[in-house]
Amino acid sequence: MSITISLRLPEEPFISLKEEPESFAGELRMLAAVKLFELGRLSSGRAAQLAGVTRVEFLMALGRYRVSPFALDAEKLAQDVTNA
């Protein structure tokens, strides 16, 4: 099952970014997933699902956003492994 969320965004940022809204949508999903993972709100597996990539791809992508996949305390790491 999937959920569709629609966002109304101004056109100007897309002009500045020189990106089409459709290609930006994938990046926006990844950014949201990375931030929610960084905040501890999603496990790496769930964040990968949100981003639309495999868990390995997600973990590899974290470096681009300067987020460590190992910035978890022992309890959160155990929970992440359980949720994977």
C-alpha atoms as a PDB file:
ATOM      1  CA  MET A   1       0.000   0.000   0.000  1.00  0.00           C
ATOM      2  CA  SER A   2       1.198   3.499  -0.642  1.00  0.00           C
ATOM      3  CA  ILE A   3      -0.032   6.960   0.290  1.00  0.00           C
ATOM      4  CA  THR A   4       0.026   9.977  -1.989  1.00  0.00           C
ATOM      5  CA  ILE A   5       0.847  13.365  -0.524  1.00  0.00           C
ATOM      6  CA  SER A   6       0.482  16.499  -2.633  1.00  0.00           C
ATOM      7  CA  LEU A   7       2.499  19.627  -1.886  1.00  0.00           C
ATOM      8  CA  ARG A   8       1.961  23.110  -3.264  1.00  0.00           C
ATOM      9  CA  LEU A   9       5.391  24.619  -3.774  1.00  0.00           C
ATOM     10  CA  PRO A  10       6.387  27.930  -5.347  1.00  0.00           C
ATOM     11  CA  GLU A  11       7.899  27.719  -8.819  1.00  0.00           C
ATOM     12  CA  GLU A  12      10.907  29.966  -8.107  1.00  0.00           C
ATOM     13  CA  PRO A  13      13.004  27.443  -6.121  1.00  0.00           C
ATOM     14  CA  PHE A  14      12.811  25.003  -9.042  1.00  0.00           C
ATOM     15  CA  ILE A  15      14.069  27.711 -11.386  1.00  0.00           C
ATOM     16  CA  SER A  16      16.977  28.418  -9.024  1.00  0.00           C
ATOM     17  CA  LEU A  17      17.747  24.710  -8.665  1.00  0.00           C
ATOM     18  CA  LYS A  18      17.450  24.180 -12.426  1.00  0.00           C
ATOM     19  CA  GLU A  19      15.446  21.027 -11.745  1.00  0.00           C
ATOM     20  CA  GLU A  20      12.135  19.730 -12.913  1.00  0.00           C
ATOM     21  CA  PRO A  21       9.595  19.186 -10.116  1.00  0.00           C
ATOM     22  CA  GLU A  22       9.358  15.484 -11.000  1.00  0.00           C
ATOM     23  CA  SER A  23      13.090  14.859 -10.535  1.00  0.00           C
ATOM     24  CA  PHE A  24      13.088  16.930  -7.354  1.00  0.00           C
ATOM     25  CA  ALA A  25      10.374  14.714  -5.852  1.00  0.00           C
ATOM     26  CA  GLY A  26      12.815  11.804  -5.489  1.00  0.00           C
ATOM     27  CA  GLU A  27      15.389  14.041  -3.862  1.00  0.00           C
ATOM     28  CA  LEU A  28      12.766  15.418  -1.496  1.00  0.00           C
ATOM     29  CA  ARG A  29      11.820  11.866  -0.454  1.00  0.00           C
ATOM     30  CA  MET A  30      15.480  11.086   0.255  1.00  0.00           C
ATOM     31  CA  LEU A  31      15.979  14.313   2.208  1.00  0.00           C
ATOM     32  CA  ALA A  32      12.926  13.614   4.352  1.00  0.00           C
ATOM     33  CA  ALA A  33      14.060  10.041   4.966  1.00  0.00           C
ATOM     34  CA  VAL A  34      17.584  11.116   5.931  1.00  0.00           C
ATOM     35  CA  LYS A  35      16.337  13.757   8.346  1.00  0.00           C
ATOM     36  CA  LEU A  36      13.793  11.448   9.971  1.00  0.00           C
ATOM     37  CA  PHE A  37      16.530   8.817  10.359  1.00  0.00           C
ATOM     38  CA  GLU A  38      18.920  11.412  11.787  1.00  0.00           C
ATOM     39  CA  LEU A  39      16.287  12.495  14.321  1.00  0.00           C
ATOM     40  CA  GLY A  40      15.732   8.879  15.315  1.00  0.00           C
ATOM     41  CA  ARG A  41      12.142   8.865  14.154  1.00  0.00           C
ATOM     42  CA  LEU A  42      12.685   6.139  11.528  1.00  0.00           C
ATOM     43  CA  SER A  43      14.939   3.101  11.427  1.00  0.00           C
ATOM     44  CA  SER A  44      17.276   2.835   8.461  1.00  0.00           C
ATOM     45  CA  GLY A  45      15.013   0.204   6.928  1.00  0.00           C
ATOM     46  CA  ARG A  46      11.890   2.351   7.187  1.00  0.00           C
ATOM     47  CA  ALA A  47      13.785   5.427   6.015  1.00  0.00           C
ATOM     48  CA  ALA A  48      14.970   3.471   2.980  1.00  0.00           C
ATOM     49  CA  GLN A  49      11.356   2.541   2.219  1.00  0.00           C
ATOM     50  CA  LEU A  50      10.368   6.214   2.438  1.00  0.00           C
ATOM     51  CA  ALA A  51      13.231   7.170   0.122  1.00  0.00           C
ATOM     52  CA  GLY A  52      12.282   4.424  -2.338  1.00  0.00           C
ATOM     53  CA  VAL A  53      15.686   2.697  -2.226  1.00  0.00           C
ATOM     54  CA  THR A  54      17.136  -0.422  -0.639  1.00  0.00           C
ATOM     55  CA  ARG A  55      18.483  -0.255   2.903  1.00  0.00           C
ATOM     56  CA  VAL A  56      22.049  -0.638   1.617  1.00  0.00           C
ATOM     57  CA  GLU A  57      21.551   2.201  -0.889  1.00  0.00           C
ATOM     58  CA  PHE A  58      20.117   4.370   1.870  1.00  0.00           C
ATOM     59  CA  LEU A  59      22.996   3.680   4.250  1.00  0.00           C
ATOM     60  CA  MET A  60      25.494   4.414   1.468  1.00  0.00           C
ATOM     61  CA  ALA A  61      23.691   7.692   0.650  1.00  0.00           C
ATOM     62  CA  LEU A  62      23.910   8.998   4.229  1.00  0.00           C
ATOM     63  CA  GLY A  63      27.486  10.160   3.642  1.00  0.00           C
ATOM     64  CA  ARG A  64      26.312  12.604   0.953  1.00  0.00           C
ATOM     65  CA  TYR A  65      24.193  14.284   3.618  1.00  0.00           C
ATOM     66  CA  ARG A  66      26.898  14.103   6.308  1.00  0.00           C
ATOM     67  CA  VAL A  67      24.804  11.821   8.474  1.00  0.00           C
ATOM     68  CA  SER A  68      26.511   8.879  10.118  1.00  0.00           C
ATOM     69  CA  PRO A  69      24.766   5.530   9.991  1.00  0.00           C
ATOM     70  CA  PHE A  70      26.493   4.765  13.300  1.00  0.00           C
ATOM     71  CA  ALA A  71      25.221   7.763  15.291  1.00  0.00           C
ATOM     72  CA  LEU A  72      22.890   5.528  17.258  1.00  0.00           C
ATOM     73  CA  ASP A  73      23.069   4.622  20.906  1.00  0.00           C
ATOM     74  CA  ALA A  74      23.010   0.914  21.791  1.00  0.00           C
ATOM     75  CA  GLU A  75      19.251   0.837  22.358  1.00  0.00           C
ATOM     76  CA  LYS A  76      18.421   2.537  19.057  1.00  0.00           C
ATOM     77  CA  LEU A  77      20.904   0.359  17.191  1.00  0.00           C
ATOM     78  CA  ALA A  78      19.259  -2.785  18.603  1.00  0.00           C
ATOM     79  CA  GLN A  79      15.827  -1.437  17.645  1.00  0.00           C
ATOM     80  CA  ASP A  80      17.077  -0.624  14.135  1.00  0.00           C
ATOM     81  CA  VAL A  81      18.387  -4.165  13.700  1.00  0.00           C
ATOM     82  CA  THR A  82      15.076  -5.591  14.953  1.00  0.00           C
ATOM     83  CA  ASN A  83      13.091  -3.408  12.519  1.00  0.00           C
ATOM     84  CA  ALA A  84      15.291  -4.223   9.500  1.00  0.00           C
END
